[in-house]
Amino acid sequence: MTNTNLTLFICDLLSAAGSFTLLIGLLVVLFSTSLHGATGQNDDKGLVVKASKHFRTGLILAILGALLLTMSASFELIIY
């Protein structure tokens, strides 16, 4: 394996890890939120989004996954 092929392989691993982390983060964000009816307000749409304690963890995972994806893409552009 040449040095360039090894570097491209590492970039592909970073890209796969970023995609997986982004997917897990977005799923955590999706399943940690829910809609509840707002009580005591005169709005037509009395809905409030309630987030559980895992919402922030999901956001952090999604941001880290996006950073890994952009980092691997920039490394591949530097190689070529």
PDB file of N, CA and C in Angstrom:
ATOM      1  N   MET A   1       0.846  -1.180   0.000  1.00  0.00           N
ATOM      2  CA  MET A   1       0.000   0.000   0.000  1.00  0.00           C
ATOM      3  C   MET A   1       0.890   1.241   0.000  1.00  0.00           C
ATOM      4  N   THR A   2       0.642   2.103  -0.945  1.00  0.00           N
ATOM      5  CA  THR A   2       1.446   3.321  -0.988  1.00  0.00           C
ATOM      6  C   THR A   2       0.933   4.307   0.046  1.00  0.00           C
ATOM      7  N   ASN A   3       1.697   5.347   0.211  1.00  0.00           N
ATOM      8  CA  ASN A   3       1.354   6.352   1.222  1.00  0.00           C
ATOM      9  C   ASN A   3       0.057   7.073   0.875  1.00  0.00           C
ATOM     10  N   THR A   4      -0.155   7.349  -0.420  1.00  0.00           N
ATOM     11  CA  THR A   4      -1.377   8.038  -0.846  1.00  0.00           C
ATOM     12  C   THR A   4      -2.594   7.142  -0.643  1.00  0.00           C
ATOM     13  N   ASN A   5      -2.452   5.855  -0.974  1.00  0.00           N
ATOM     14  CA  ASN A   5      -3.585   4.938  -0.788  1.00  0.00           C
ATOM     15  C   ASN A   5      -3.933   4.784   0.684  1.00  0.00           C
ATOM     16  N   LEU A   6      -2.930   4.739   1.531  1.00  0.00           N
ATOM     17  CA  LEU A   6      -3.186   4.630   2.965  1.00  0.00           C
ATOM     18  C   LEU A   6      -3.893   5.882   3.484  1.00  0.00           C
ATOM     19  N   THR A   7      -3.475   7.037   3.011  1.00  0.00           N
ATOM     20  CA  THR A   7      -4.109   8.287   3.431  1.00  0.00           C
ATOM     21  C   THR A   7      -5.554   8.359   2.947  1.00  0.00           C
ATOM     22  N   LEU A   8      -5.803   7.914   1.726  1.00  0.00           N
ATOM     23  CA  LEU A   8      -7.180   7.898   1.217  1.00  0.00           C
ATOM     24  C   LEU A   8      -8.038   6.903   1.990  1.00  0.00           C
ATOM     25  N   PHE A   9      -7.444   5.787   2.382  1.00  0.00           N
ATOM     26  CA  PHE A   9      -8.178   4.818   3.191  1.00  0.00           C
ATOM     27  C   PHE A   9      -8.550   5.416   4.553  1.00  0.00           C
ATOM     28  N   ILE A  10      -7.638   6.151   5.146  1.00  0.00           N
ATOM     29  CA  ILE A  10      -7.919   6.813   6.421  1.00  0.00           C
ATOM     30  C   ILE A  10      -9.012   7.865   6.243  1.00  0.00           C
ATOM     31  N   CYS A  11      -8.981   8.586   5.121  1.00  0.00           N
ATOM     32  CA  CYS A  11     -10.041   9.568   4.848  1.00  0.00           C
ATOM     33  C   CYS A  11     -11.392   8.882   4.693  1.00  0.00           C
ATOM     34  N   ASP A  12     -11.408   7.706   4.050  1.00  0.00           N
ATOM     35  CA  ASP A  12     -12.667   6.966   3.920  1.00  0.00           C
ATOM     36  C   ASP A  12     -13.169   6.483   5.274  1.00  0.00           C
ATOM     37  N   LEU A  13     -12.262   6.077   6.138  1.00  0.00           N
ATOM     38  CA  LEU A  13     -12.672   5.671   7.485  1.00  0.00           C
ATOM     39  C   LEU A  13     -13.230   6.856   8.273  1.00  0.00           C
ATOM     40  N   LEU A  14     -12.598   8.029   8.124  1.00  0.00           N
ATOM     41  CA  LEU A  14     -13.114   9.236   8.777  1.00  0.00           C
ATOM     42  C   LEU A  14     -14.504   9.593   8.255  1.00  0.00           C
ATOM     43  N   SER A  15     -14.690   9.445   6.957  1.00  0.00           N
ATOM     44  CA  SER A  15     -15.980   9.753   6.359  1.00  0.00           C
ATOM     45  C   SER A  15     -17.057   8.796   6.865  1.00  0.00           C
ATOM     46  N   ALA A  16     -16.725   7.510   6.958  1.00  0.00           N
ATOM     47  CA  ALA A  16     -17.696   6.538   7.459  1.00  0.00           C
ATOM     48  C   ALA A  16     -18.023   6.802   8.926  1.00  0.00           C
ATOM     49  N   ALA A  17     -17.002   7.122   9.715  1.00  0.00           N
ATOM     50  CA  ALA A  17     -17.246   7.424  11.128  1.00  0.00           C
ATOM     51  C   ALA A  17     -18.092   8.681  11.276  1.00  0.00           C
ATOM     52  N   GLY A  18     -17.829   9.683  10.438  1.00  0.00           N
ATOM     53  CA  GLY A  18     -18.619  10.910  10.484  1.00  0.00           C
ATOM     54  C   GLY A  18     -20.065  10.680  10.101  1.00  0.00           C
ATOM     55  N   SER A  19     -20.290   9.881   9.072  1.00  0.00           N
ATOM     56  CA  SER A  19     -21.666   9.584   8.659  1.00  0.00           C
ATOM     57  C   SER A  19     -22.423   8.838   9.743  1.00  0.00           C
ATOM     58  N   PHE A  20     -21.762   7.855  10.347  1.00  0.00           N
ATOM     59  CA  PHE A  20     -22.405   7.074  11.401  1.00  0.00           C
ATOM     60  C   PHE A  20     -22.707   7.945  12.623  1.00  0.00           C
ATOM     61  N   THR A  21     -21.758   8.786  13.002  1.00  0.00           N
ATOM     62  CA  THR A  21     -21.956   9.657  14.166  1.00  0.00           C
ATOM     63  C   THR A  21     -23.058  10.671  13.907  1.00  0.00           C
ATOM     64  N   LEU A  22     -23.085  11.227  12.707  1.00  0.00           N
ATOM     65  CA  LEU A  22     -24.140  12.179  12.343  1.00  0.00           C
ATOM     66  C   LEU A  22     -25.505  11.507  12.369  1.00  0.00           C
ATOM     67  N   LEU A  23     -25.598  10.303  11.844  1.00  0.00           N
ATOM     68  CA  LEU A  23     -26.868   9.581  11.830  1.00  0.00           C
ATOM     69  C   LEU A  23     -27.345   9.278  13.249  1.00  0.00           C
ATOM     70  N   ILE A  24     -26.450   8.792  14.096  1.00  0.00           N
ATOM     71  CA  ILE A  24     -26.829   8.486  15.478  1.00  0.00           C
ATOM     72  C   ILE A  24     -27.256   9.763  16.209  1.00  0.00           C
ATOM     73  N   GLY A  25     -26.523  10.861  16.000  1.00  0.00           N
ATOM     74  CA  GLY A  25     -26.877  12.125  16.643  1.00  0.00           C
ATOM     75  C   GLY A  25     -28.236  12.628  16.223  1.00  0.00           C
ATOM     76  N   LEU A  26     -28.528  12.559  14.929  1.00  0.00           N
ATOM     77  CA  LEU A  26     -29.827  13.029  14.458  1.00  0.00           C
ATOM     78  C   LEU A  26     -30.965  12.134  14.951  1.00  0.00           C
ATOM     79  N   LEU A  27     -30.713  10.828  15.055  1.00  0.00           N
ATOM     80  CA  LEU A  27     -31.740   9.939  15.592  1.00  0.00           C
ATOM     81  C   LEU A  27     -32.000  10.216  17.072  1.00  0.00           C
ATOM     82  N   VAL A  28     -30.947  10.507  17.821  1.00  0.00           N
ATOM     83  CA  VAL A  28     -31.129  10.843  19.234  1.00  0.00           C
ATOM     84  C   VAL A  28     -31.926  12.136  19.373  1.00  0.00           C
ATOM     85  N   VAL A  29     -31.617  13.128  18.534  1.00  0.00           N
ATOM     86  CA  VAL A  29     -32.366  14.385  18.568  1.00  0.00           C
ATOM     87  C   VAL A  29     -33.827  14.149  18.197  1.00  0.00           C
ATOM     88  N   LEU A  30     -34.050  13.311  17.196  1.00  0.00           N
ATOM     89  CA  LEU A  30     -35.416  13.045  16.750  1.00  0.00           C
ATOM     90  C   LEU A  30     -36.241  12.361  17.832  1.00  0.00           C
ATOM     91  N   PHE A  31     -35.660  11.368  18.489  1.00  0.00           N
ATOM     92  CA  PHE A  31     -36.427  10.605  19.460  1.00  0.00           C
ATOM     93  C   PHE A  31     -36.421  11.211  20.857  1.00  0.00           C
ATOM     94  N   SER A  32     -35.649  12.263  21.066  1.00  0.00           N
ATOM     95  CA  SER A  32     -35.653  12.886  22.392  1.00  0.00           C
ATOM     96  C   SER A  32     -36.563  14.110  22.449  1.00  0.00           C
ATOM     97  N   THR A  33     -37.248  14.412  21.379  1.00  0.00           N
ATOM     98  CA  THR A  33     -38.185  15.536  21.379  1.00  0.00           C
ATOM     99  C   THR A  33     -39.607  15.012  21.198  1.00  0.00           C
ATOM    100  N   SER A  34     -40.557  15.754  21.730  1.00  0.00           N
ATOM    101  CA  SER A  34     -41.965  15.399  21.566  1.00  0.00           C
ATOM    102  C   SER A  34     -42.809  16.674  21.631  1.00  0.00           C
ATOM    103  N   LEU A  35     -43.983  16.596  21.059  1.00  0.00           N
ATOM    104  CA  LEU A  35     -44.917  17.727  21.064  1.00  0.00           C
ATOM    105  C   LEU A  35     -45.939  17.539  22.175  1.00  0.00           C
ATOM    106  N   HIS A  36     -46.185  18.593  22.928  1.00  0.00           N
ATOM    107  CA  HIS A  36     -47.193  18.573  23.989  1.00  0.00           C
ATOM    108  C   HIS A  36     -48.086  19.792  23.809  1.00  0.00           C
ATOM    109  N   GLY A  37     -49.319  19.653  24.205  1.00  0.00           N
ATOM    110  CA  GLY A  37     -50.241  20.775  24.154  1.00  0.00           C
ATOM    111  C   GLY A  37     -49.920  21.788  25.242  1.00  0.00           C
ATOM    112  N   ALA A  38     -49.891  23.045  24.859  1.00  0.00           N
ATOM    113  CA  ALA A  38     -49.601  24.109  25.831  1.00  0.00           C
ATOM    114  C   ALA A  38     -50.865  24.424  26.611  1.00  0.00           C
ATOM    115  N   THR A  39     -50.731  24.487  27.898  1.00  0.00           N
ATOM    116  CA  THR A  39     -51.895  24.799  28.730  1.00  0.00           C
ATOM    117  C   THR A  39     -51.825  26.251  29.176  1.00  0.00           C
ATOM    118  N   GLY A  40     -52.969  26.895  29.198  1.00  0.00           N
ATOM    119  CA  GLY A  40     -53.046  28.250  29.707  1.00  0.00           C
ATOM    120  C   GLY A  40     -52.685  29.327  28.707  1.00  0.00           C
ATOM    121  N   GLN A  41     -52.622  29.006  27.429  1.00  0.00           N
ATOM    122  CA  GLN A  41     -52.321  30.025  26.420  1.00  0.00           C
ATOM    123  C   GLN A  41     -53.493  30.132  25.463  1.00  0.00           C
ATOM    124  N   ASN A  42     -53.657  31.308  24.879  1.00  0.00           N
ATOM    125  CA  ASN A  42     -54.791  31.557  23.994  1.00  0.00           C
ATOM    126  C   ASN A  42     -54.416  31.421  22.525  1.00  0.00           C
ATOM    127  N   ASP A  43     -53.341  30.734  22.214  1.00  0.00           N
ATOM    128  CA  ASP A  43     -52.929  30.567  20.814  1.00  0.00           C
ATOM    129  C   ASP A  43     -53.802  29.515  20.140  1.00  0.00           C
ATOM    130  N   ASP A  44     -53.910  29.644  18.823  1.00  0.00           N
ATOM    131  CA  ASP A  44     -54.630  28.631  18.059  1.00  0.00           C
ATOM    132  C   ASP A  44     -53.863  27.311  18.055  1.00  0.00           C
ATOM    133  N   LYS A  45     -52.559  27.424  17.944  1.00  0.00           N
ATOM    134  CA  LYS A  45     -51.718  26.233  17.924  1.00  0.00           C
ATOM    135  C   LYS A  45     -51.000  26.147  19.257  1.00  0.00           C
ATOM    136  N   GLY A  46     -51.610  25.505  20.200  1.00  0.00           N
ATOM    137  CA  GLY A  46     -51.031  25.417  21.527  1.00  0.00           C
ATOM    138  C   GLY A  46     -50.113  24.227  21.676  1.00  0.00           C
ATOM    139  N   LEU A  47     -49.058  24.160  20.876  1.00  0.00           N
ATOM    140  CA  LEU A  47     -48.122  23.049  20.946  1.00  0.00           C
ATOM    141  C   LEU A  47     -46.756  23.535  21.415  1.00  0.00           C
ATOM    142  N   VAL A  48     -46.146  22.770  22.283  1.00  0.00           N
ATOM    143  CA  VAL A  48     -44.825  23.101  22.810  1.00  0.00           C
ATOM    144  C   VAL A  48     -43.923  21.900  22.580  1.00  0.00           C
ATOM    145  N   VAL A  49     -42.706  22.154  22.115  1.00  0.00           N
ATOM    146  CA  VAL A  49     -41.730  21.076  21.923  1.00  0.00           C
ATOM    147  C   VAL A  49     -41.010  20.848  23.247  1.00  0.00           C
ATOM    148  N   LYS A  50     -41.085  19.631  23.733  1.00  0.00           N
ATOM    149  CA  LYS A  50     -40.389  19.257  24.961  1.00  0.00           C
ATOM    150  C   LYS A  50     -39.207  18.374  24.585  1.00  0.00           C
ATOM    151  N   ALA A  51     -38.047  18.690  25.121  1.00  0.00           N
ATOM    152  CA  ALA A  51     -36.839  17.911  24.835  1.00  0.00           C
ATOM    153  C   ALA A  51     -36.382  17.218  26.109  1.00  0.00           C
ATOM    154  N   SER A  52     -35.913  16.001  25.958  1.00  0.00           N
ATOM    155  CA  SER A  52     -35.414  15.274  27.127  1.00  0.00           C
ATOM    156  C   SER A  52     -33.958  15.651  27.386  1.00  0.00           C
ATOM    157  N   LYS A  53     -33.362  15.016  28.386  1.00  0.00           N
ATOM    158  CA  LYS A  53     -31.991  15.362  28.750  1.00  0.00           C
ATOM    159  C   LYS A  53     -30.977  14.874  27.729  1.00  0.00           C
ATOM    160  N   HIS A  54     -31.378  14.007  26.793  1.00  0.00           N
ATOM    161  CA  HIS A  54     -30.448  13.497  25.787  1.00  0.00           C
ATOM    162  C   HIS A  54     -30.398  14.368  24.532  1.00  0.00           C
ATOM    163  N   PHE A  55     -31.184  15.427  24.499  1.00  0.00           N
ATOM    164  CA  PHE A  55     -31.231  16.285  23.317  1.00  0.00           C
ATOM    165  C   PHE A  55     -29.866  16.926  23.056  1.00  0.00           C
ATOM    166  N   ARG A  56     -29.231  17.423  24.095  1.00  0.00           N
ATOM    167  CA  ARG A  56     -27.928  18.082  23.937  1.00  0.00           C
ATOM    168  C   ARG A  56     -26.868  17.084  23.484  1.00  0.00           C
ATOM    169  N   THR A  57     -26.935  15.856  23.987  1.00  0.00           N
ATOM    170  CA  THR A  57     -25.997  14.817  23.558  1.00  0.00           C
ATOM    171  C   THR A  57     -26.163  14.524  22.078  1.00  0.00           C
ATOM    172  N   GLY A  58     -27.400  14.458  21.619  1.00  0.00           N
ATOM    173  CA  GLY A  58     -27.658  14.227  20.197  1.00  0.00           C
ATOM    174  C   GLY A  58     -27.142  15.355  19.333  1.00  0.00           C
ATOM    175  N   LEU A  59     -27.321  16.588  19.800  1.00  0.00           N
ATOM    176  CA  LEU A  59     -26.802  17.725  19.038  1.00  0.00           C
ATOM    177  C   LEU A  59     -25.278  17.703  18.953  1.00  0.00           C
ATOM    178  N   ILE A  60     -24.629  17.357  20.054  1.00  0.00           N
ATOM    179  CA  ILE A  60     -23.169  17.292  20.059  1.00  0.00           C
ATOM    180  C   ILE A  60     -22.682  16.190  19.116  1.00  0.00           C
ATOM    181  N   LEU A  61     -23.355  15.031  19.139  1.00  0.00           N
ATOM    182  CA  LEU A  61     -22.978  13.943  18.235  1.00  0.00           C
ATOM    183  C   LEU A  61     -23.174  14.347  16.769  1.00  0.00           C
ATOM    184  N   ALA A  62     -24.265  15.032  16.481  1.00  0.00           N
ATOM    185  CA  ALA A  62     -24.517  15.455  15.107  1.00  0.00           C
ATOM    186  C   ALA A  62     -23.472  16.469  14.640  1.00  0.00           C
ATOM    187  N   ILE A  63     -23.101  17.387  15.514  1.00  0.00           N
ATOM    188  CA  ILE A  63     -22.083  18.384  15.147  1.00  0.00           C
ATOM    189  C   ILE A  63     -20.728  17.718  14.948  1.00  0.00           C
ATOM    190  N   LEU A  64     -20.369  16.779  15.826  1.00  0.00           N
ATOM    191  CA  LEU A  64     -19.095  16.074  15.662  1.00  0.00           C
ATOM    192  C   LEU A  64     -19.075  15.242  14.393  1.00  0.00           C
ATOM    193  N   GLY A  65     -20.203  14.613  14.053  1.00  0.00           N
ATOM    194  CA  GLY A  65     -20.282  13.853  12.808  1.00  0.00           C
ATOM    195  C   GLY A  65     -20.120  14.733  11.591  1.00  0.00           C
ATOM    196  N   ALA A  66     -20.741  15.908  11.608  1.00  0.00           N
ATOM    197  CA  ALA A  66     -20.594  16.834  10.485  1.00  0.00           C
ATOM    198  C   ALA A  66     -19.161  17.338  10.379  1.00  0.00           C
ATOM    199  N   LEU A  67     -18.521  17.578  11.525  1.00  0.00           N
ATOM    200  CA  LEU A  67     -17.113  17.999  11.499  1.00  0.00           C
ATOM    201  C   LEU A  67     -16.208  16.910  10.941  1.00  0.00           C
ATOM    202  N   LEU A  68     -16.465  15.661  11.302  1.00  0.00           N
ATOM    203  CA  LEU A  68     -15.676  14.553  10.753  1.00  0.00           C
ATOM    204  C   LEU A  68     -15.856  14.438   9.249  1.00  0.00           C
ATOM    205  N   LEU A  69     -17.078  14.621   8.785  1.00  0.00           N
ATOM    206  CA  LEU A  69     -17.330  14.552   7.335  1.00  0.00           C
ATOM    207  C   LEU A  69     -16.602  15.664   6.586  1.00  0.00           C
ATOM    208  N   THR A  70     -16.675  16.877   7.100  1.00  0.00           N
ATOM    209  CA  THR A  70     -16.000  17.979   6.410  1.00  0.00           C
ATOM    210  C   THR A  70     -14.490  17.847   6.506  1.00  0.00           C
ATOM    211  N   MET A  71     -14.000  17.314   7.616  1.00  0.00           N
ATOM    212  CA  MET A  71     -12.560  17.121   7.759  1.00  0.00           C
ATOM    213  C   MET A  71     -12.050  16.084   6.773  1.00  0.00           C
ATOM    214  N   SER A  72     -12.770  14.988   6.604  1.00  0.00           N
ATOM    215  CA  SER A  72     -12.323  13.960   5.660  1.00  0.00           C
ATOM    216  C   SER A  72     -12.400  14.471   4.224  1.00  0.00           C
ATOM    217  N   ALA A  73     -13.421  15.261   3.925  1.00  0.00           N
ATOM    218  CA  ALA A  73     -13.527  15.816   2.567  1.00  0.00           C
ATOM    219  C   ALA A  73     -12.397  16.799   2.292  1.00  0.00           C
ATOM    220  N   SER A  74     -12.045  17.605   3.269  1.00  0.00           N
ATOM    221  CA  SER A  74     -10.951  18.560   3.046  1.00  0.00           C
ATOM    222  C   SER A  74      -9.607  17.846   2.941  1.00  0.00           C
ATOM    223  N   PHE A  75      -9.424  16.758   3.700  1.00  0.00           N
ATOM    224  CA  PHE A  75      -8.185  15.989   3.571  1.00  0.00           C
ATOM    225  C   PHE A  75      -8.064  15.363   2.186  1.00  0.00           C
ATOM    226  N   GLU A  76      -9.184  14.860   1.647  1.00  0.00           N
ATOM    227  CA  GLU A  76      -9.134  14.280   0.300  1.00  0.00           C
ATOM    228  C   GLU A  76      -8.818  15.350  -0.744  1.00  0.00           C
ATOM    229  N   LEU A  77      -9.344  16.557  -0.567  1.00  0.00           N
ATOM    230  CA  LEU A  77      -9.022  17.632  -1.510  1.00  0.00           C
ATOM    231  C   LEU A  77      -7.560  18.032  -1.414  1.00  0.00           C
ATOM    232  N   ILE A  78      -6.992  17.990  -0.212  1.00  0.00           N
ATOM    233  CA  ILE A  78      -5.570  18.326  -0.055  1.00  0.00           C
ATOM    234  C   ILE A  78      -4.707  17.265  -0.744  1.00  0.00           C
ATOM    235  N   ILE A  79      -5.103  15.999  -0.662  1.00  0.00           N
ATOM    236  CA  ILE A  79      -4.305  14.931  -1.256  1.00  0.00           C
ATOM    237  C   ILE A  79      -4.283  15.053  -2.772  1.00  0.00           C
ATOM    238  N   TYR A  80      -5.435  15.337  -3.348  1.00  0.00           N
ATOM    239  CA  TYR A  80      -5.475  15.487  -4.801  1.00  0.00           C
ATOM    240  C   TYR A  80      -5.051  16.875  -5.153  1.00  0.00           C
TER     241      TYR A  80
END
